[in-house]
């Protein structure tokens, strides 16, 4: 799997950790401590989820932006699916033992051990279900006000261990529903990625068999 493919799995950990926050007390703004505590509380109670996503990646060296869309599924521990539907079909499936990347346009499936994908300590902790937000990240508001121009929460998460050359992730959380709506980051090469999420559903009892993949007949398999 490529650098970006593995990084997408890390993004999933952030999405799960920041899906929904508790409502503010008496309509007042939450402090950073309260935001972190509420985020961790929701993560601990999230067993699985489904969300639509849009991924926009800008490659600095050629000044080109690629846009992809699809549906994301997650289930504790170590199970997820990224089902890309636009502009081309692509599917990434992972469970505790195996990771698959299926590219129909190339008629190929890449397979590797799941442990090779989740080498980052922060990833393992979050996807194992016992990660602690403040132990794995330095969390701050992204601005002195802690909100963007629309009044949504704007957070900066800096991984304590730099697994993928990303120094910080920036999250936007909806001011009324307190769901993550956007995630941005820039890698060490200056490439930027923006992920937008919508239609988030949690604890929908996704079956175990959903997180396995059988390569279609005739497909080339690369290990």
N, C-alpha and C. Protein backbone atom coordinates (compact mmCIF):
# COMPACT_ATOMS: atom_id res chain seq x y z
N UNK A 1 0.83 -1.19 0.00
CA UNK A 1 0.00 0.00 0.00
C UNK A 1 0.87 1.25 0.00
N UNK A 2 0.37 2.30 -0.59
CA UNK A 2 1.13 3.53 -0.69
C UNK A 2 1.09 4.31 0.61
N UNK A 3 1.94 5.31 0.69
CA UNK A 3 1.96 6.23 1.84
C UNK A 3 0.57 6.79 2.10
N UNK A 4 -0.10 7.27 1.04
CA UNK A 4 -1.41 7.89 1.21
C UNK A 4 -2.45 6.88 1.66
N UNK A 5 -2.39 5.65 1.13
CA UNK A 5 -3.35 4.63 1.54
C UNK A 5 -3.24 4.34 3.02
N UNK A 6 -2.00 4.22 3.52
CA UNK A 6 -1.82 3.94 4.94
C UNK A 6 -2.22 5.13 5.79
N UNK A 7 -1.99 6.32 5.28
CA UNK A 7 -2.36 7.51 6.02
C UNK A 7 -3.88 7.63 6.15
N UNK A 8 -4.61 7.15 5.14
CA UNK A 8 -6.07 7.17 5.21
C UNK A 8 -6.55 6.37 6.41
N UNK A 9 -5.89 5.26 6.73
CA UNK A 9 -6.28 4.48 7.89
C UNK A 9 -6.10 5.28 9.17
N UNK A 10 -5.03 6.09 9.22
CA UNK A 10 -4.80 6.92 10.39
C UNK A 10 -5.90 7.95 10.54
N UNK A 11 -6.33 8.51 9.42
CA UNK A 11 -7.41 9.48 9.44
C UNK A 11 -8.67 8.86 10.02
N UNK A 12 -8.87 7.60 9.74
CA UNK A 12 -10.04 6.91 10.29
C UNK A 12 -10.02 6.93 11.81
N UNK A 13 -8.85 6.77 12.39
CA UNK A 13 -8.74 6.81 13.84
C UNK A 13 -9.16 8.16 14.38
N UNK A 14 -8.78 9.22 13.68
CA UNK A 14 -9.17 10.56 14.10
C UNK A 14 -10.66 10.76 13.96
N UNK A 15 -11.24 10.25 12.88
CA UNK A 15 -12.68 10.38 12.67
C UNK A 15 -13.44 9.71 13.78
N UNK A 16 -13.03 8.50 14.15
CA UNK A 16 -13.70 7.78 15.22
C UNK A 16 -13.55 8.49 16.54
N UNK A 17 -12.39 9.09 16.76
CA UNK A 17 -12.14 9.76 18.02
C UNK A 17 -12.84 11.09 18.15
N UNK A 18 -13.37 11.64 17.06
CA UNK A 18 -13.93 12.99 17.09
C UNK A 18 -15.27 13.07 16.38
N UNK A 19 -16.06 12.02 16.48
CA UNK A 19 -17.32 12.00 15.75
C UNK A 19 -18.35 12.93 16.36
N UNK A 20 -18.50 12.89 17.68
CA UNK A 20 -19.60 13.62 18.30
C UNK A 20 -19.20 14.09 19.68
N UNK A 21 -19.55 15.33 20.00
CA UNK A 21 -19.25 15.88 21.31
C UNK A 21 -20.55 16.16 22.06
N UNK A 22 -20.44 16.20 23.40
CA UNK A 22 -21.61 16.52 24.20
C UNK A 22 -22.01 17.97 24.00
N UNK A 23 -23.28 18.29 24.24
CA UNK A 23 -23.77 19.65 24.06
C UNK A 23 -23.17 20.58 25.10
N UNK A 24 -22.95 21.85 24.78
CA UNK A 24 -22.38 22.81 25.75
C UNK A 24 -23.32 23.01 26.93
N UNK A 25 -22.75 23.30 28.08
CA UNK A 25 -23.55 23.58 29.27
C UNK A 25 -24.27 24.91 29.12
N UNK A 26 -25.57 24.88 29.25
CA UNK A 26 -26.38 26.09 29.23
C UNK A 26 -26.08 26.97 28.03
N UNK A 27 -25.71 26.35 26.92
CA UNK A 27 -25.47 27.11 25.70
C UNK A 27 -24.15 27.85 25.67
N UNK A 28 -23.32 27.70 26.71
CA UNK A 28 -22.04 28.40 26.74
C UNK A 28 -21.01 27.62 25.95
N UNK A 29 -19.90 28.29 25.61
CA UNK A 29 -18.85 27.65 24.83
C UNK A 29 -18.11 26.64 25.69
N UNK A 30 -17.68 25.55 25.07
CA UNK A 30 -16.90 24.55 25.76
C UNK A 30 -15.44 24.99 25.86
N UNK A 31 -14.80 24.68 26.97
CA UNK A 31 -13.37 24.90 27.09
C UNK A 31 -12.66 23.76 26.37
N UNK A 32 -11.36 23.93 26.14
CA UNK A 32 -10.59 22.89 25.47
C UNK A 32 -10.62 21.60 26.28
N UNK A 33 -10.51 21.69 27.59
CA UNK A 33 -10.55 20.51 28.45
C UNK A 33 -11.87 19.78 28.30
N UNK A 34 -12.96 20.52 28.23
CA UNK A 34 -14.27 19.90 28.08
C UNK A 34 -14.43 19.24 26.72
N UNK A 35 -13.90 19.88 25.69
CA UNK A 35 -13.97 19.30 24.35
C UNK A 35 -13.21 17.98 24.30
N UNK A 36 -12.01 17.95 24.86
CA UNK A 36 -11.21 16.73 24.86
C UNK A 36 -11.90 15.62 25.65
N UNK A 37 -12.44 15.95 26.82
CA UNK A 37 -13.10 14.95 27.65
C UNK A 37 -14.33 14.38 26.95
N UNK A 38 -15.12 15.25 26.32
CA UNK A 38 -16.31 14.79 25.62
C UNK A 38 -15.96 13.92 24.42
N UNK A 39 -14.90 14.32 23.71
CA UNK A 39 -14.45 13.55 22.56
C UNK A 39 -14.02 12.15 22.97
N UNK A 40 -13.23 12.07 24.03
CA UNK A 40 -12.76 10.78 24.50
C UNK A 40 -13.92 9.92 24.97
N UNK A 41 -14.89 10.52 25.63
CA UNK A 41 -16.05 9.80 26.13
C UNK A 41 -16.85 9.17 24.99
N UNK A 42 -17.05 9.93 23.92
CA UNK A 42 -17.80 9.42 22.78
C UNK A 42 -17.02 8.32 22.07
N UNK A 43 -15.71 8.51 21.92
CA UNK A 43 -14.88 7.48 21.28
C UNK A 43 -14.99 6.16 22.04
N UNK A 44 -14.93 6.24 23.36
CA UNK A 44 -14.99 5.03 24.17
C UNK A 44 -16.32 4.29 23.97
N UNK A 45 -17.38 5.03 23.64
CA UNK A 45 -18.71 4.43 23.48
C UNK A 45 -19.04 4.07 22.03
N UNK A 46 -18.13 4.38 21.11
CA UNK A 46 -18.38 4.10 19.70
C UNK A 46 -17.83 2.73 19.34
N UNK A 47 -18.72 1.82 18.97
CA UNK A 47 -18.30 0.47 18.57
C UNK A 47 -18.12 0.35 17.06
N UNK A 48 -18.96 1.05 16.30
CA UNK A 48 -18.80 1.06 14.85
C UNK A 48 -19.45 2.31 14.29
N UNK A 49 -19.18 2.60 13.01
CA UNK A 49 -19.80 3.76 12.38
C UNK A 49 -19.75 3.65 10.87
N UNK A 50 -20.57 4.49 10.23
CA UNK A 50 -20.62 4.60 8.77
C UNK A 50 -20.73 6.08 8.43
N UNK A 51 -20.01 6.53 7.40
CA UNK A 51 -20.05 7.94 7.00
C UNK A 51 -19.72 8.08 5.52
N UNK A 52 -20.36 9.02 4.85
CA UNK A 52 -19.97 9.40 3.49
C UNK A 52 -18.78 10.34 3.58
N UNK A 53 -17.88 10.29 2.58
CA UNK A 53 -16.73 11.18 2.63
C UNK A 53 -16.37 11.70 1.24
N UNK A 54 -15.74 12.88 1.23
CA UNK A 54 -15.13 13.45 0.04
C UNK A 54 -13.66 13.71 0.37
N UNK A 55 -12.77 13.22 -0.46
CA UNK A 55 -11.34 13.38 -0.25
C UNK A 55 -10.74 14.20 -1.38
N UNK A 56 -10.10 15.31 -1.03
CA UNK A 56 -9.45 16.17 -2.01
C UNK A 56 -7.97 16.26 -1.67
N UNK A 57 -7.13 15.82 -2.59
CA UNK A 57 -5.69 15.81 -2.38
C UNK A 57 -5.00 16.68 -3.42
N UNK A 58 -4.20 17.64 -2.96
CA UNK A 58 -3.45 18.51 -3.86
C UNK A 58 -1.98 18.12 -3.85
N UNK A 59 -1.46 17.72 -5.01
CA UNK A 59 -0.06 17.35 -5.15
C UNK A 59 0.74 18.61 -5.47
N UNK A 60 1.58 19.02 -4.55
CA UNK A 60 2.30 20.29 -4.68
C UNK A 60 3.20 20.33 -5.90
N UNK A 61 3.91 19.24 -6.20
CA UNK A 61 4.92 19.25 -7.26
C UNK A 61 4.33 19.51 -8.64
N UNK A 62 3.06 19.14 -8.85
CA UNK A 62 2.43 19.36 -10.15
C UNK A 62 1.22 20.30 -10.05
N UNK A 63 0.97 20.80 -8.84
CA UNK A 63 -0.14 21.72 -8.60
C UNK A 63 -1.45 21.16 -9.15
N UNK A 64 -1.75 19.93 -8.78
CA UNK A 64 -2.96 19.25 -9.25
C UNK A 64 -3.76 18.74 -8.06
N UNK A 65 -5.09 18.94 -8.12
CA UNK A 65 -5.97 18.46 -7.06
C UNK A 65 -6.84 17.33 -7.57
N UNK A 66 -6.83 16.23 -6.84
CA UNK A 66 -7.65 15.08 -7.18
C UNK A 66 -8.78 14.96 -6.16
N UNK A 67 -9.99 14.70 -6.64
CA UNK A 67 -11.16 14.58 -5.78
C UNK A 67 -11.74 13.18 -5.89
N UNK A 68 -12.00 12.56 -4.75
CA UNK A 68 -12.60 11.24 -4.70
C UNK A 68 -13.73 11.24 -3.68
N UNK A 69 -14.71 10.35 -3.88
CA UNK A 69 -15.84 10.24 -2.98
C UNK A 69 -16.09 8.77 -2.66
N UNK A 70 -16.77 8.53 -1.53
CA UNK A 70 -17.10 7.17 -1.18
C UNK A 70 -17.75 7.06 0.18
N UNK A 71 -17.73 5.84 0.72
CA UNK A 71 -18.34 5.56 2.01
C UNK A 71 -17.31 4.87 2.90
N UNK A 72 -17.27 5.27 4.15
CA UNK A 72 -16.32 4.74 5.12
C UNK A 72 -17.06 3.96 6.20
N UNK A 73 -16.52 2.79 6.56
CA UNK A 73 -17.09 1.94 7.62
C UNK A 73 -15.98 1.61 8.62
N UNK A 74 -16.36 1.55 9.90
CA UNK A 74 -15.38 1.24 10.95
C UNK A 74 -16.04 0.38 12.02
N UNK A 75 -15.25 -0.54 12.56
CA UNK A 75 -15.71 -1.36 13.67
C UNK A 75 -14.52 -1.71 14.56
N UNK A 76 -14.67 -1.53 15.85
CA UNK A 76 -13.61 -1.90 16.78
C UNK A 76 -13.53 -3.42 16.92
N UNK A 77 -12.34 -3.98 17.09
CA UNK A 77 -11.06 -3.30 16.90
C UNK A 77 -10.46 -3.63 15.54
N UNK A 78 -9.73 -2.71 14.96
CA UNK A 78 -8.91 -2.94 13.76
C UNK A 78 -9.71 -3.35 12.53
N UNK A 79 -10.92 -2.85 12.37
CA UNK A 79 -11.71 -3.21 11.19
C UNK A 79 -12.21 -1.95 10.50
N UNK A 80 -11.99 -1.85 9.19
CA UNK A 80 -12.51 -0.71 8.45
C UNK A 80 -12.57 -1.00 6.96
N UNK A 81 -13.42 -0.22 6.29
CA UNK A 81 -13.57 -0.29 4.84
C UNK A 81 -13.65 1.13 4.31
N UNK A 82 -12.83 1.43 3.27
CA UNK A 82 -12.94 2.68 2.52
C UNK A 82 -13.42 2.28 1.13
N UNK A 83 -14.68 2.51 0.83
CA UNK A 83 -15.26 2.14 -0.47
C UNK A 83 -15.38 3.38 -1.34
N UNK A 84 -14.40 3.59 -2.22
CA UNK A 84 -14.41 4.74 -3.13
C UNK A 84 -15.34 4.45 -4.31
N UNK A 85 -16.14 5.44 -4.67
CA UNK A 85 -17.09 5.27 -5.77
C UNK A 85 -16.88 6.25 -6.91
N UNK A 86 -16.25 7.40 -6.65
CA UNK A 86 -16.00 8.42 -7.68
C UNK A 86 -14.59 8.96 -7.53
N UNK A 87 -13.90 9.26 -8.65
CA UNK A 87 -14.31 9.04 -10.04
C UNK A 87 -14.15 7.59 -10.49
N UNK A 88 -13.37 6.81 -9.70
CA UNK A 88 -13.17 5.41 -10.02
C UNK A 88 -13.43 4.56 -8.78
N UNK A 89 -13.91 3.35 -9.00
CA UNK A 89 -14.10 2.42 -7.89
C UNK A 89 -12.74 2.00 -7.33
N UNK A 90 -12.66 1.93 -6.01
CA UNK A 90 -11.47 1.47 -5.31
C UNK A 90 -11.91 1.06 -3.93
N UNK A 91 -11.33 0.01 -3.39
CA UNK A 91 -11.78 -0.47 -2.09
C UNK A 91 -10.61 -0.90 -1.23
N UNK A 92 -10.59 -0.38 0.00
CA UNK A 92 -9.63 -0.81 0.99
C UNK A 92 -10.37 -1.47 2.14
N UNK A 93 -9.96 -2.68 2.48
CA UNK A 93 -10.61 -3.45 3.55
C UNK A 93 -9.53 -3.93 4.51
N UNK A 94 -9.80 -3.83 5.79
CA UNK A 94 -8.82 -4.28 6.78
C UNK A 94 -9.52 -4.90 7.97
N UNK A 95 -8.93 -6.00 8.47
CA UNK A 95 -9.36 -6.60 9.73
C UNK A 95 -8.09 -6.89 10.54
N UNK A 96 -8.19 -7.47 11.71
CA UNK A 96 -6.99 -7.63 12.53
C UNK A 96 -5.87 -8.45 11.89
N UNK A 97 -6.19 -9.26 10.88
CA UNK A 97 -5.17 -10.12 10.27
C UNK A 97 -4.66 -9.61 8.93
N UNK A 98 -5.56 -9.10 8.08
CA UNK A 98 -5.21 -8.84 6.68
C UNK A 98 -5.73 -7.50 6.20
N UNK A 99 -4.97 -6.88 5.28
CA UNK A 99 -5.40 -5.64 4.61
C UNK A 99 -5.41 -5.88 3.10
N UNK A 100 -6.50 -5.44 2.44
CA UNK A 100 -6.64 -5.57 0.99
C UNK A 100 -6.83 -4.19 0.37
N UNK A 101 -6.22 -3.97 -0.78
CA UNK A 101 -6.49 -2.79 -1.59
C UNK A 101 -6.84 -3.30 -2.99
N UNK A 102 -8.11 -3.10 -3.39
CA UNK A 102 -8.62 -3.60 -4.66
C UNK A 102 -8.79 -2.45 -5.64
N UNK A 103 -8.11 -2.55 -6.79
CA UNK A 103 -8.19 -1.55 -7.85
C UNK A 103 -8.80 -2.20 -9.09
N UNK A 104 -10.12 -2.12 -9.26
CA UNK A 104 -10.77 -2.76 -10.41
C UNK A 104 -10.23 -2.29 -11.76
N UNK A 105 -9.89 -1.00 -11.88
CA UNK A 105 -9.42 -0.47 -13.16
C UNK A 105 -8.12 -1.14 -13.59
N UNK A 106 -7.32 -1.59 -12.62
CA UNK A 106 -6.06 -2.27 -12.92
C UNK A 106 -6.17 -3.78 -12.80
N UNK A 107 -7.36 -4.25 -12.37
CA UNK A 107 -7.60 -5.69 -12.20
C UNK A 107 -6.57 -6.32 -11.26
N UNK A 108 -6.31 -5.63 -10.13
CA UNK A 108 -5.31 -6.11 -9.19
C UNK A 108 -5.76 -5.90 -7.76
N UNK A 109 -5.32 -6.81 -6.88
CA UNK A 109 -5.56 -6.70 -5.44
C UNK A 109 -4.22 -6.78 -4.73
N UNK A 110 -3.93 -5.78 -3.90
CA UNK A 110 -2.73 -5.79 -3.08
C UNK A 110 -3.09 -6.30 -1.69
N UNK A 111 -2.33 -7.28 -1.20
CA UNK A 111 -2.62 -7.89 0.09
C UNK A 111 -1.39 -7.82 0.97
N UNK A 112 -1.58 -7.47 2.25
CA UNK A 112 -0.48 -7.50 3.20
C UNK A 112 -1.00 -7.74 4.60
N UNK A 113 -0.09 -8.08 5.50
CA UNK A 113 -0.47 -8.30 6.89
C UNK A 113 -0.95 -6.99 7.51
N UNK A 114 -2.01 -7.06 8.28
CA UNK A 114 -2.56 -5.85 8.89
C UNK A 114 -1.56 -5.19 9.83
N UNK A 115 -0.71 -5.98 10.47
CA UNK A 115 0.26 -5.40 11.39
C UNK A 115 1.25 -4.50 10.68
N UNK A 116 1.48 -4.74 9.38
CA UNK A 116 2.40 -3.89 8.63
C UNK A 116 1.76 -2.54 8.32
N UNK A 117 0.43 -2.51 8.25
CA UNK A 117 -0.28 -1.26 7.99
C UNK A 117 -0.30 -0.40 9.24
N UNK A 118 -0.57 -1.02 10.38
CA UNK A 118 -0.73 -0.27 11.62
C UNK A 118 0.55 -0.28 12.45
N UNK A 119 1.63 0.21 11.87
CA UNK A 119 2.89 0.26 12.59
C UNK A 119 2.95 1.43 13.57
N UNK A 120 2.17 2.47 13.33
CA UNK A 120 2.21 3.65 14.19
C UNK A 120 1.58 3.37 15.53
N UNK A 121 2.23 3.77 16.60
CA UNK A 121 1.73 3.51 17.94
C UNK A 121 0.38 4.15 18.18
N UNK A 122 0.20 5.39 17.73
CA UNK A 122 -1.07 6.08 17.94
C UNK A 122 -2.21 5.34 17.24
N UNK A 123 -1.94 4.83 16.05
CA UNK A 123 -2.96 4.09 15.32
C UNK A 123 -3.38 2.86 16.09
N UNK A 124 -2.40 2.07 16.53
CA UNK A 124 -2.70 0.85 17.26
C UNK A 124 -3.53 1.15 18.50
N UNK A 125 -3.15 2.18 19.23
CA UNK A 125 -3.87 2.50 20.46
C UNK A 125 -5.32 2.88 20.19
N UNK A 126 -5.55 3.74 19.20
CA UNK A 126 -6.92 4.17 18.93
C UNK A 126 -7.76 3.03 18.37
N UNK A 127 -7.23 2.30 17.42
CA UNK A 127 -8.04 1.27 16.78
C UNK A 127 -8.18 0.03 17.63
N UNK A 128 -7.39 -0.10 18.69
CA UNK A 128 -7.57 -1.19 19.63
C UNK A 128 -8.65 -0.87 20.66
N UNK A 129 -9.07 0.39 20.69
CA UNK A 129 -10.16 0.76 21.58
C UNK A 129 -9.74 1.22 22.95
N UNK A 130 -8.43 1.41 23.17
CA UNK A 130 -8.02 1.89 24.49
C UNK A 130 -7.10 3.10 24.40
N UNK A 131 -7.06 3.75 23.26
CA UNK A 131 -6.24 4.94 23.09
C UNK A 131 -6.79 6.12 23.89
N UNK A 132 -5.89 6.95 24.36
CA UNK A 132 -6.26 8.15 25.08
C UNK A 132 -5.82 9.36 24.27
N UNK A 133 -6.75 10.24 23.98
CA UNK A 133 -6.50 11.36 23.08
C UNK A 133 -5.31 12.19 23.51
N UNK A 134 -5.24 12.54 24.79
CA UNK A 134 -4.17 13.41 25.25
C UNK A 134 -2.83 12.68 25.37
N UNK A 135 -2.84 11.35 25.38
CA UNK A 135 -1.59 10.61 25.42
C UNK A 135 -0.98 10.48 24.03
N UNK A 136 -1.82 10.43 23.00
CA UNK A 136 -1.35 10.23 21.64
C UNK A 136 -1.18 11.53 20.87
N UNK A 137 -1.88 12.61 21.29
CA UNK A 137 -1.84 13.87 20.57
C UNK A 137 -1.71 15.04 21.54
N UNK A 138 -1.08 16.10 21.06
CA UNK A 138 -1.16 17.39 21.74
C UNK A 138 -2.31 18.15 21.10
N UNK A 139 -3.35 18.41 21.88
CA UNK A 139 -4.58 18.99 21.35
C UNK A 139 -4.69 20.45 21.77
N UNK A 140 -4.91 21.33 20.81
CA UNK A 140 -5.12 22.75 21.09
C UNK A 140 -6.21 23.27 20.16
N UNK A 141 -6.73 24.44 20.48
CA UNK A 141 -7.60 25.12 19.52
C UNK A 141 -6.71 25.64 18.40
N UNK A 142 -7.21 25.63 17.18
CA UNK A 142 -6.41 26.05 16.02
C UNK A 142 -6.28 27.55 15.92
N UNK A 143 -7.04 28.27 16.72
CA UNK A 143 -6.97 29.73 16.74
C UNK A 143 -7.27 30.20 18.17
N UNK A 144 -6.93 31.44 18.51
CA UNK A 144 -7.21 31.92 19.87
C UNK A 144 -8.68 31.82 20.24
N UNK A 145 -9.56 32.01 19.25
CA UNK A 145 -11.00 31.96 19.53
C UNK A 145 -11.50 30.51 19.64
N UNK A 146 -10.81 29.58 19.00
CA UNK A 146 -11.23 28.18 19.05
C UNK A 146 -12.35 27.84 18.08
N UNK A 147 -12.76 28.80 17.26
CA UNK A 147 -13.83 28.57 16.30
C UNK A 147 -13.45 29.18 14.96
N UNK A 148 -14.12 28.72 13.89
CA UNK A 148 -13.86 29.30 12.58
C UNK A 148 -14.85 30.44 12.32
N UNK A 149 -14.90 30.93 11.10
CA UNK A 149 -15.76 32.07 10.78
C UNK A 149 -17.23 31.76 10.92
N UNK A 150 -17.58 30.48 10.83
CA UNK A 150 -18.99 30.09 10.94
C UNK A 150 -19.37 29.72 12.37
N UNK A 151 -18.41 29.80 13.28
CA UNK A 151 -18.70 29.48 14.67
C UNK A 151 -18.49 28.04 15.03
N UNK A 152 -17.95 27.23 14.09
CA UNK A 152 -17.69 25.82 14.36
C UNK A 152 -16.36 25.66 15.09
N UNK A 153 -16.26 24.62 15.92
CA UNK A 153 -15.02 24.36 16.64
C UNK A 153 -13.91 24.02 15.66
N UNK A 154 -12.71 24.56 15.92
CA UNK A 154 -11.55 24.32 15.06
C UNK A 154 -10.40 23.87 15.95
N UNK A 155 -10.02 22.58 15.82
CA UNK A 155 -8.99 21.99 16.67
C UNK A 155 -7.73 21.65 15.89
N UNK A 156 -6.61 21.65 16.59
CA UNK A 156 -5.33 21.21 16.04
C UNK A 156 -4.85 20.01 16.84
N UNK A 157 -4.60 18.87 16.17
CA UNK A 157 -4.10 17.67 16.82
C UNK A 157 -2.70 17.37 16.29
N UNK A 158 -1.70 17.44 17.16
CA UNK A 158 -0.32 17.15 16.78
C UNK A 158 0.06 15.78 17.33
N UNK A 159 0.33 14.79 16.46
CA UNK A 159 0.73 13.46 16.94
C UNK A 159 2.01 13.55 17.76
N UNK A 160 2.04 12.88 18.89
CA UNK A 160 3.24 12.88 19.72
C UNK A 160 4.35 12.04 19.07
N UNK A 161 3.94 11.10 18.21
CA UNK A 161 4.91 10.32 17.44
C UNK A 161 4.62 10.55 15.97
N UNK A 162 5.59 11.05 15.22
CA UNK A 162 5.38 11.41 13.82
C UNK A 162 5.50 10.18 12.93
N UNK A 163 4.38 9.46 12.79
CA UNK A 163 4.39 8.21 12.03
C UNK A 163 4.46 8.43 10.52
N UNK A 164 3.86 9.49 10.02
CA UNK A 164 3.74 9.67 8.58
C UNK A 164 4.23 11.03 8.09
N UNK A 165 5.05 11.70 8.89
CA UNK A 165 5.56 12.98 8.46
C UNK A 165 4.55 14.09 8.48
N UNK A 166 3.43 13.90 9.18
CA UNK A 166 2.42 14.93 9.33
C UNK A 166 2.55 15.54 10.71
N UNK A 167 2.79 16.84 10.78
CA UNK A 167 3.02 17.48 12.07
C UNK A 167 1.73 17.83 12.80
N UNK A 168 0.63 18.01 12.06
CA UNK A 168 -0.63 18.38 12.71
C UNK A 168 -1.82 18.10 11.81
N UNK A 169 -2.94 17.78 12.44
CA UNK A 169 -4.22 17.62 11.76
C UNK A 169 -5.16 18.72 12.26
N UNK A 170 -5.94 19.29 11.36
CA UNK A 170 -6.88 20.35 11.72
C UNK A 170 -8.30 19.85 11.50
N UNK A 171 -9.11 19.92 12.56
CA UNK A 171 -10.47 19.42 12.53
C UNK A 171 -11.47 20.56 12.64
N UNK A 172 -12.56 20.46 11.91
CA UNK A 172 -13.68 21.37 12.06
C UNK A 172 -14.86 20.57 12.57
N UNK A 173 -15.45 21.00 13.69
CA UNK A 173 -16.57 20.32 14.31
C UNK A 173 -17.81 21.21 14.25
N UNK A 174 -18.91 20.65 13.80
CA UNK A 174 -20.15 21.41 13.65
C UNK A 174 -20.57 22.03 14.99
N UNK A 175 -20.92 23.32 14.97
CA UNK A 175 -21.21 24.04 16.20
C UNK A 175 -22.51 23.61 16.88
N UNK A 176 -23.43 23.02 16.12
CA UNK A 176 -24.71 22.63 16.73
C UNK A 176 -24.80 21.12 16.96
N UNK A 177 -24.36 20.33 15.97
CA UNK A 177 -24.42 18.88 16.13
C UNK A 177 -23.15 18.31 16.73
N UNK A 178 -22.08 19.10 16.72
CA UNK A 178 -20.80 18.69 17.25
C UNK A 178 -20.27 17.42 16.59
N UNK A 179 -20.49 17.31 15.28
CA UNK A 179 -19.91 16.24 14.49
C UNK A 179 -18.76 16.78 13.65
N UNK A 180 -17.77 15.93 13.37
CA UNK A 180 -16.67 16.36 12.52
C UNK A 180 -17.19 16.56 11.11
N UNK A 181 -16.88 17.70 10.52
CA UNK A 181 -17.31 17.99 9.15
C UNK A 181 -16.14 18.07 8.19
N UNK A 182 -14.94 18.31 8.72
CA UNK A 182 -13.79 18.43 7.82
C UNK A 182 -12.49 18.17 8.58
N UNK A 183 -11.53 17.58 7.86
CA UNK A 183 -10.21 17.33 8.39
C UNK A 183 -9.18 17.71 7.34
N UNK A 184 -8.15 18.48 7.73
CA UNK A 184 -7.11 18.94 6.80
C UNK A 184 -5.72 18.61 7.35
N UNK A 185 -4.80 18.30 6.47
CA UNK A 185 -3.41 18.13 6.89
C UNK A 185 -2.49 18.31 5.70
N UNK A 186 -1.23 18.60 5.99
CA UNK A 186 -0.19 18.75 4.98
C UNK A 186 0.96 17.82 5.32
N UNK A 187 1.43 17.04 4.34
CA UNK A 187 2.51 16.10 4.63
C UNK A 187 3.87 16.76 4.45
N UNK A 188 4.92 16.00 4.66
CA UNK A 188 6.27 16.55 4.63
C UNK A 188 6.71 16.99 3.24
N UNK A 189 5.97 16.58 2.19
CA UNK A 189 6.28 16.99 0.82
C UNK A 189 5.49 18.22 0.39
N UNK A 190 4.67 18.74 1.29
CA UNK A 190 3.86 19.92 0.96
C UNK A 190 2.54 19.59 0.30
N UNK A 191 2.20 18.29 0.18
CA UNK A 191 0.92 17.89 -0.37
C UNK A 191 -0.17 18.06 0.70
N UNK A 192 -1.32 18.56 0.31
CA UNK A 192 -2.40 18.79 1.27
C UNK A 192 -3.58 17.87 0.97
N UNK A 193 -4.24 17.44 2.02
CA UNK A 193 -5.41 16.59 1.89
C UNK A 193 -6.54 17.16 2.74
N UNK A 194 -7.73 17.18 2.17
CA UNK A 194 -8.90 17.63 2.90
C UNK A 194 -9.98 16.55 2.80
N UNK A 195 -10.47 16.13 3.95
CA UNK A 195 -11.53 15.14 4.01
C UNK A 195 -12.77 15.77 4.62
N UNK A 196 -13.89 15.64 3.93
CA UNK A 196 -15.17 16.15 4.44
C UNK A 196 -16.09 14.96 4.69
N UNK A 197 -16.80 14.99 5.83
CA UNK A 197 -17.66 13.88 6.22
C UNK A 197 -19.10 14.35 6.40
N UNK A 198 -20.03 13.47 6.06
CA UNK A 198 -21.45 13.76 6.26
C UNK A 198 -22.20 12.45 6.45
N UNK A 199 -23.46 12.56 6.90
CA UNK A 199 -24.32 11.39 7.11
C UNK A 199 -23.65 10.36 8.02
N UNK A 200 -23.12 10.83 9.13
CA UNK A 200 -22.43 9.94 10.07
C UNK A 200 -23.44 9.19 10.93
N UNK A 201 -23.28 7.88 10.98
CA UNK A 201 -24.15 7.02 11.81
C UNK A 201 -23.26 6.15 12.68
N UNK A 202 -23.55 6.09 13.98
CA UNK A 202 -22.72 5.32 14.90
C UNK A 202 -23.50 4.17 15.50
N UNK A 203 -22.75 3.11 15.89
CA UNK A 203 -23.29 1.93 16.55
C UNK A 203 -24.47 1.33 15.79
N UNK A 204 -24.19 0.92 14.55
CA UNK A 204 -25.23 0.34 13.69
C UNK A 204 -25.05 -1.17 13.54
N UNK A 205 -24.18 -1.76 14.36
CA UNK A 205 -24.00 -3.22 14.41
C UNK A 205 -23.56 -3.80 13.07
N UNK A 206 -22.47 -3.29 12.53
CA UNK A 206 -21.92 -3.83 11.30
C UNK A 206 -21.43 -5.26 11.54
N UNK A 207 -21.74 -6.21 10.66
CA UNK A 207 -21.34 -7.60 10.86
C UNK A 207 -19.84 -7.80 10.64
N UNK A 208 -19.29 -8.81 11.31
CA UNK A 208 -17.87 -9.10 11.20
C UNK A 208 -17.48 -9.45 9.76
N UNK A 209 -18.33 -10.19 9.07
CA UNK A 209 -18.01 -10.65 7.71
C UNK A 209 -17.90 -9.49 6.72
N UNK A 210 -18.40 -8.32 7.09
CA UNK A 210 -18.31 -7.15 6.21
C UNK A 210 -16.86 -6.71 6.05
N UNK A 211 -16.01 -7.07 7.03
CA UNK A 211 -14.63 -6.59 7.03
C UNK A 211 -13.65 -7.68 6.57
N UNK A 212 -14.03 -8.36 5.52
CA UNK A 212 -13.15 -9.30 4.84
C UNK A 212 -13.37 -9.15 3.35
N UNK A 213 -12.44 -9.64 2.55
CA UNK A 213 -12.54 -9.43 1.11
C UNK A 213 -12.08 -10.68 0.37
N UNK A 214 -12.89 -11.11 -0.59
CA UNK A 214 -12.54 -12.22 -1.47
C UNK A 214 -12.28 -11.69 -2.87
N UNK A 215 -11.03 -11.77 -3.32
CA UNK A 215 -10.70 -11.24 -4.66
C UNK A 215 -11.53 -11.91 -5.74
N UNK A 216 -12.07 -11.15 -6.70
CA UNK A 216 -12.83 -11.72 -7.80
C UNK A 216 -11.96 -12.65 -8.64
N UNK A 217 -12.60 -13.60 -9.29
CA UNK A 217 -11.87 -14.55 -10.13
C UNK A 217 -11.15 -13.81 -11.26
N UNK A 218 -9.92 -14.22 -11.50
CA UNK A 218 -9.15 -13.64 -12.59
C UNK A 218 -8.37 -12.40 -12.24
N UNK A 219 -8.51 -11.90 -11.01
CA UNK A 219 -7.81 -10.70 -10.59
C UNK A 219 -6.37 -11.04 -10.20
N UNK A 220 -5.43 -10.22 -10.61
CA UNK A 220 -4.04 -10.40 -10.23
C UNK A 220 -3.87 -10.08 -8.75
N UNK A 221 -3.14 -10.91 -8.04
CA UNK A 221 -2.91 -10.72 -6.60
C UNK A 221 -1.45 -10.40 -6.36
N UNK A 222 -1.20 -9.27 -5.73
CA UNK A 222 0.15 -8.84 -5.37
C UNK A 222 0.28 -8.84 -3.85
N UNK A 223 1.26 -9.58 -3.34
CA UNK A 223 1.46 -9.63 -1.89
C UNK A 223 2.70 -8.83 -1.53
